[in-house]
């Protein structure tokens, strides 16, 4: 049979893009049965024109989580099918899909792949509407990400500076929350994350039971009044047991409302790897079932 038409998006600036160039990936995808047209994208702004109009087949995204987000924002709600080829640093989405190893081998393995739903999260907030594919939340991680400035080039030095400037003044905050319309009290929180996949950030494995195709989101809340030790948090994330810690509460649902009070004005939220400043008012989050479809090798 002739190869099926497809599209290849390759981010040459991804953290491990040196592991595979577009020509290598096109050859591997051809072995898998796809004739993938490489549509060059120098910046995220080029993705709109590259992905506009009818798609000839699956879209293979070679890059990291940021590349996935940038492309997926143009594809949600279009019955699009994505194939992930991890070339990033964290590769949270790829790891959730069990895609690890050599990117050329991953591309070639799509020969036996089948199509599966991939949910997203929809946010309606005072700053506007947002969509997330990894996680949405507030607290320590969002504050650190904001201090780090994710729009600037990656830098270990700036990451260290963000830690030094954020940690000393951080205070746990109450975040009144409704889950599927029911109030769910909680103590002041160090962290609140609504997860669509298992990890976010630089490998923060917070929701080991999260599944991006189950039509639900996982709310992770960390008690700021009775926290566990930093060593306990780190060990639990490595072992995939973060949700079992005494200070961690997990709830699985389809809708969440975060009721901001006066003290939350100016609070920072993150949407995947981006940040938003909250001007005050309720924040509504709901799952978007099957916003996309992804290919997973059988």
Protein backbone atom coordinates (compact mmCIF):
# COMPACT_ATOMS: atom_id res chain seq x y z
CA UNK A 1 0.00 0.00 0.00
CA UNK A 2 1.22 3.53 -0.71
CA UNK A 3 2.21 5.58 2.37
CA UNK A 4 -0.52 7.65 3.98
CA UNK A 5 -0.16 11.45 3.80
CA UNK A 6 0.84 13.25 6.99
CA UNK A 7 2.45 16.46 8.26
CA UNK A 8 5.71 16.81 10.22
CA UNK A 9 6.31 19.77 12.53
CA UNK A 10 9.91 19.88 13.81
CA UNK A 11 11.21 22.34 16.40
CA UNK A 12 14.94 22.85 15.76
CA UNK A 13 15.21 24.75 19.05
CA UNK A 14 13.91 21.92 21.26
CA UNK A 15 16.17 20.76 24.07
CA UNK A 16 17.34 17.57 22.32
CA UNK A 17 16.59 18.44 18.69
CA UNK A 18 20.12 17.32 17.74
CA UNK A 19 18.95 13.71 18.22
CA UNK A 20 16.94 13.72 14.99
CA UNK A 21 16.61 16.09 12.04
CA UNK A 22 13.57 16.35 9.74
CA UNK A 23 15.13 14.14 7.06
CA UNK A 24 15.78 11.32 9.54
CA UNK A 25 12.26 11.58 10.93
CA UNK A 26 10.64 11.65 7.49
CA UNK A 27 12.55 8.48 6.58
CA UNK A 28 11.48 6.77 9.81
CA UNK A 29 7.87 7.81 9.32
CA UNK A 30 7.99 6.48 5.76
CA UNK A 31 9.10 3.14 7.22
CA UNK A 32 6.02 3.40 9.44
CA UNK A 33 3.76 3.93 6.43
CA UNK A 34 3.48 7.74 6.37
CA UNK A 35 4.55 10.21 3.72
CA UNK A 36 5.07 13.16 6.07
CA UNK A 37 5.35 16.61 4.52
CA UNK A 38 7.76 18.70 6.58
CA UNK A 39 6.29 22.15 7.11
CA UNK A 40 9.13 24.36 8.46
CA UNK A 41 8.27 26.57 11.42
CA UNK A 42 10.98 28.96 12.59
CA UNK A 43 8.84 30.44 15.39
CA UNK A 44 5.55 29.52 17.12
CA UNK A 45 3.89 32.22 14.98
CA UNK A 46 4.58 30.08 11.89
CA UNK A 47 2.42 27.25 13.25
CA UNK A 48 -0.86 28.99 12.40
CA UNK A 49 -0.21 29.12 8.63
CA UNK A 50 1.46 25.69 8.69
CA UNK A 51 -1.55 24.04 10.29
CA UNK A 52 -4.38 26.03 8.73
CA UNK A 53 -6.88 24.49 6.36
CA UNK A 54 -7.69 20.80 5.88
CA UNK A 55 -5.05 18.40 7.13
CA UNK A 56 -4.02 15.52 4.83
CA UNK A 57 -3.57 13.12 7.75
CA UNK A 58 -1.91 12.89 11.16
CA UNK A 59 0.32 15.71 12.40
CA UNK A 60 3.62 14.47 13.85
CA UNK A 61 5.06 16.93 16.36
CA UNK A 62 8.80 16.61 16.97
CA UNK A 63 9.73 18.77 19.93
CA UNK A 64 9.04 19.23 23.61
CA UNK A 65 5.98 20.06 25.65
CA UNK A 66 6.04 23.68 24.50
CA UNK A 67 6.01 22.60 20.86
CA UNK A 68 3.11 20.25 21.55
CA UNK A 69 1.14 23.05 23.24
CA UNK A 70 1.85 25.59 20.50
CA UNK A 71 0.72 23.18 17.77
CA UNK A 72 -2.19 21.67 19.70
CA UNK A 73 -3.74 25.09 20.29
CA UNK A 74 -4.26 25.28 16.51
CA UNK A 75 -5.68 21.75 16.31
CA UNK A 76 -8.14 21.36 19.21
CA UNK A 77 -11.71 20.77 18.15
CA UNK A 78 -10.72 19.87 14.58
CA UNK A 79 -10.78 16.09 14.98
CA UNK A 80 -7.03 16.22 14.49
CA UNK A 81 -4.71 13.28 15.15
CA UNK A 82 -1.25 13.93 16.59
CA UNK A 83 1.84 11.78 16.80
CA UNK A 84 4.34 12.87 19.45
CA UNK A 85 8.08 12.53 18.82
CA UNK A 86 9.87 13.75 21.98
CA UNK A 87 12.79 16.13 21.43
CA UNK A 88 12.34 18.33 24.50
CA UNK A 89 13.88 18.49 27.95
CA UNK A 90 11.03 17.31 30.17
CA UNK A 91 8.76 15.59 27.61
CA UNK A 92 5.90 15.29 30.12
CA UNK A 93 3.30 14.53 27.46
CA UNK A 94 5.47 11.94 25.75
CA UNK A 95 6.20 10.21 29.07
CA UNK A 96 2.50 10.07 29.90
CA UNK A 97 2.02 8.34 26.52
CA UNK A 98 4.90 5.92 27.30
CA UNK A 99 7.02 7.40 24.51
CA UNK A 100 10.64 7.18 25.62
CA UNK A 101 13.85 6.29 23.87
CA UNK A 102 15.35 7.19 20.52
CA UNK A 103 13.09 9.60 18.57
CA UNK A 104 13.80 7.87 15.26
CA UNK A 105 12.75 4.53 16.76
CA UNK A 106 9.61 6.16 18.18
CA UNK A 107 8.73 7.57 14.76
CA UNK A 108 9.26 4.17 13.12
CA UNK A 109 7.08 2.46 15.76
CA UNK A 110 4.03 4.44 14.61
CA UNK A 111 3.55 1.64 12.06
CA UNK A 112 1.49 -0.21 14.70
CA UNK A 113 -0.17 2.83 16.27
CA UNK A 114 -3.87 3.34 16.88
CA UNK A 115 -5.88 6.49 17.56
CA UNK A 116 -6.85 7.44 21.12
CA UNK A 117 -8.66 10.48 22.60
CA UNK A 118 -6.57 13.13 24.34
CA UNK A 119 -8.45 15.52 26.62
CA UNK A 120 -7.65 19.14 27.40
CA UNK A 121 -8.69 21.54 30.14
CA UNK A 122 -10.71 24.68 29.47
CA UNK A 123 -10.30 27.74 31.69
CA UNK A 124 -12.66 30.69 31.98
CA UNK A 125 -11.09 33.36 34.15
CA UNK A 126 -11.14 37.13 34.63
CA UNK A 127 -8.10 37.39 32.35
CA UNK A 128 -9.90 35.52 29.53
CA UNK A 129 -10.14 31.97 28.19
CA UNK A 130 -7.31 29.45 28.18
CA UNK A 131 -6.69 25.83 27.25
CA UNK A 132 -4.19 23.52 28.92
CA UNK A 133 -2.90 20.08 28.03
CA UNK A 134 -0.62 19.34 31.00
CA UNK A 135 -1.78 21.26 34.06
CA UNK A 136 -3.27 24.46 35.44
CA UNK A 137 -2.72 25.78 38.93
CA UNK A 138 -1.46 28.21 41.50
CA UNK A 139 0.86 28.19 44.47
CA UNK A 140 4.57 27.59 44.73
CA UNK A 141 5.19 26.17 41.25
CA UNK A 142 3.26 28.97 39.52
CA UNK A 143 5.13 31.60 41.55
CA UNK A 144 8.49 30.01 40.72
CA UNK A 145 7.60 29.80 37.03
CA UNK A 146 6.55 33.47 37.01
CA UNK A 147 9.79 34.53 38.71
CA UNK A 148 11.78 32.43 36.24
CA UNK A 149 10.03 34.11 33.26
CA UNK A 150 9.21 31.22 30.89
CA UNK A 151 9.20 33.59 27.88
CA UNK A 152 12.97 34.10 28.19
CA UNK A 153 15.58 31.58 27.00
CA UNK A 154 16.15 28.66 29.35
CA UNK A 155 18.80 29.32 31.99
CA UNK A 156 19.88 27.31 35.08
CA UNK A 157 21.12 30.57 36.62
CA UNK A 158 17.72 32.24 36.33
CA UNK A 159 16.11 29.09 37.73
CA UNK A 160 18.35 29.33 40.80
CA UNK A 161 17.57 33.04 41.14
CA UNK A 162 13.84 32.31 40.95
CA UNK A 163 14.18 29.85 43.83
CA UNK A 164 16.15 32.31 45.94
CA UNK A 165 13.69 35.16 45.39
CA UNK A 166 10.45 33.14 45.69
CA UNK A 167 10.95 30.64 48.52
CA UNK A 168 11.76 33.02 51.42
CA UNK A 169 8.58 35.09 51.05
CA UNK A 170 6.17 32.36 49.96
CA UNK A 171 3.07 31.84 52.13
CA UNK A 172 0.41 29.18 51.78
CA UNK A 173 -2.94 30.62 50.72
CA UNK A 174 -6.55 29.42 51.06
CA UNK A 175 -8.17 28.69 47.70
CA UNK A 176 -11.90 28.01 48.19
CA UNK A 177 -12.81 25.34 45.65
CA UNK A 178 -15.95 23.69 44.29
CA UNK A 179 -15.62 20.26 42.69
CA UNK A 180 -18.41 19.32 40.25
CA UNK A 181 -20.50 22.03 41.90
CA UNK A 182 -19.90 20.93 45.50
CA UNK A 183 -17.80 23.00 47.96
CA UNK A 184 -14.60 21.24 48.99
CA UNK A 185 -12.91 22.98 51.92
CA UNK A 186 -9.14 22.78 52.28
CA UNK A 187 -6.47 24.37 54.50
CA UNK A 188 -4.14 27.05 53.15
CA UNK A 189 -2.31 25.44 50.27
CA UNK A 190 1.29 25.31 49.16
CA UNK A 191 0.22 23.97 45.81
CA UNK A 192 -2.99 23.55 43.79
CA UNK A 193 -2.70 21.79 40.44
CA UNK A 194 -5.44 20.58 38.10
CA UNK A 195 -3.74 17.86 36.09
CA UNK A 196 -4.67 16.42 32.70
CA UNK A 197 -1.54 14.26 32.55
CA UNK A 198 0.77 12.79 35.16
CA UNK A 199 3.51 15.46 35.21
CA UNK A 200 4.13 19.14 34.60
CA UNK A 201 7.08 21.50 34.76
CA UNK A 202 10.51 19.92 34.90
CA UNK A 203 9.32 16.43 35.74
CA UNK A 204 6.95 17.24 38.63
CA UNK A 205 5.25 13.84 38.78
CA UNK A 206 2.23 14.98 40.80
CA UNK A 207 -0.67 12.83 39.54
CA UNK A 208 0.54 9.31 38.73
CA UNK A 209 -3.05 8.12 38.14
CA UNK A 210 -4.00 10.90 35.71
CA UNK A 211 -5.04 9.70 32.25
CA UNK A 212 -5.45 12.21 29.38
CA UNK A 213 -8.22 10.21 27.74
CA UNK A 214 -10.59 9.45 30.64
CA UNK A 215 -12.75 12.57 30.36
CA UNK A 216 -11.69 13.75 33.84
CA UNK A 217 -9.10 15.99 35.51
CA UNK A 218 -7.11 15.32 38.69
CA UNK A 219 -7.02 18.03 41.38
CA UNK A 220 -3.89 17.89 43.55
CA UNK A 221 -3.81 20.04 46.71
CA UNK A 222 -0.87 20.22 49.12
CA UNK A 223 -1.55 21.23 52.73
CA UNK A 224 0.55 24.26 53.61
CA UNK A 225 -0.10 24.02 57.35
CA UNK A 226 1.12 20.43 57.81
CA UNK A 227 3.55 19.79 54.96
CA UNK A 228 5.73 16.74 54.46
CA UNK A 229 9.49 17.14 54.18
CA UNK A 230 11.14 18.19 50.94
CA UNK A 231 12.87 14.81 50.87
CA UNK A 232 9.49 13.06 51.18
CA UNK A 233 8.06 15.08 48.28
CA UNK A 234 11.07 14.37 46.06
CA UNK A 235 11.11 10.66 46.87
CA UNK A 236 7.37 10.30 46.32
CA UNK A 237 7.58 11.98 42.90
CA UNK A 238 10.42 9.69 41.85
CA UNK A 239 8.43 6.64 42.95
CA UNK A 240 5.15 7.79 41.41
CA UNK A 241 3.52 8.02 44.85
CA UNK A 242 3.04 11.76 45.34
CA UNK A 243 -0.71 11.40 45.75
CA UNK A 244 -0.25 9.04 48.73
CA UNK A 245 1.56 11.55 50.99
CA UNK A 246 -0.30 12.66 54.16
CA UNK A 247 -0.27 16.34 53.10
CA UNK A 248 -1.60 15.65 49.59
CA UNK A 249 -5.29 15.49 48.71
CA UNK A 250 -6.40 14.27 45.29
CA UNK A 251 -9.88 14.63 43.76
CA UNK A 252 -10.93 13.47 40.30
CA UNK A 253 -13.76 15.34 38.57
CA UNK A 254 -14.86 17.11 35.38
CA UNK A 255 -15.37 20.67 36.63
CA UNK A 256 -13.75 22.91 39.21
CA UNK A 257 -14.37 26.47 40.37
CA UNK A 258 -11.73 28.38 42.31
CA UNK A 259 -13.28 31.24 44.27
CA UNK A 260 -10.76 34.00 44.63
CA UNK A 261 -11.08 36.40 47.55
CA UNK A 262 -9.50 39.80 47.98
CA UNK A 263 -6.18 38.34 49.07
CA UNK A 264 -5.91 36.51 45.75
CA UNK A 265 -5.80 39.67 43.63
CA UNK A 266 -2.45 39.64 41.87
CA UNK A 267 -2.00 35.92 42.48
CA UNK A 268 -0.22 34.03 39.72
CA UNK A 269 -1.64 31.02 37.88
CA UNK A 270 0.15 28.89 35.32
CA UNK A 271 -1.35 27.39 32.17
CA UNK A 272 1.05 24.63 31.15
CA UNK A 273 4.36 26.50 30.85
CA UNK A 274 2.85 30.00 30.70
CA UNK A 275 1.74 32.27 33.56
CA UNK A 276 -1.21 34.60 34.11
CA UNK A 277 -1.75 37.29 36.74
CA UNK A 278 -5.14 37.00 38.43
CA UNK A 279 -7.05 40.29 38.81
CA UNK A 280 -9.64 38.74 41.17
CA UNK A 281 -12.87 36.78 40.61
CA UNK A 282 -13.84 33.14 40.10
CA UNK A 283 -11.88 30.81 37.86
CA UNK A 284 -13.82 28.01 36.15
CA UNK A 285 -12.06 24.90 34.85
CA UNK A 286 -13.65 22.01 32.99
CA UNK A 287 -12.40 19.05 31.03
CA UNK A 288 -12.65 19.10 27.24
CA UNK A 289 -13.06 15.39 26.44
CA UNK A 290 -11.38 14.26 23.25
CA UNK A 291 -10.17 17.74 22.33
CA UNK A 292 -7.51 15.97 20.29
CA UNK A 293 -6.57 12.44 19.31
CA UNK A 294 -3.10 10.95 19.60
CA UNK A 295 -1.46 7.95 18.03
CA UNK A 296 -0.15 5.33 20.46
CA UNK A 297 1.85 2.33 19.40
CA UNK A 298 0.31 -1.03 20.19
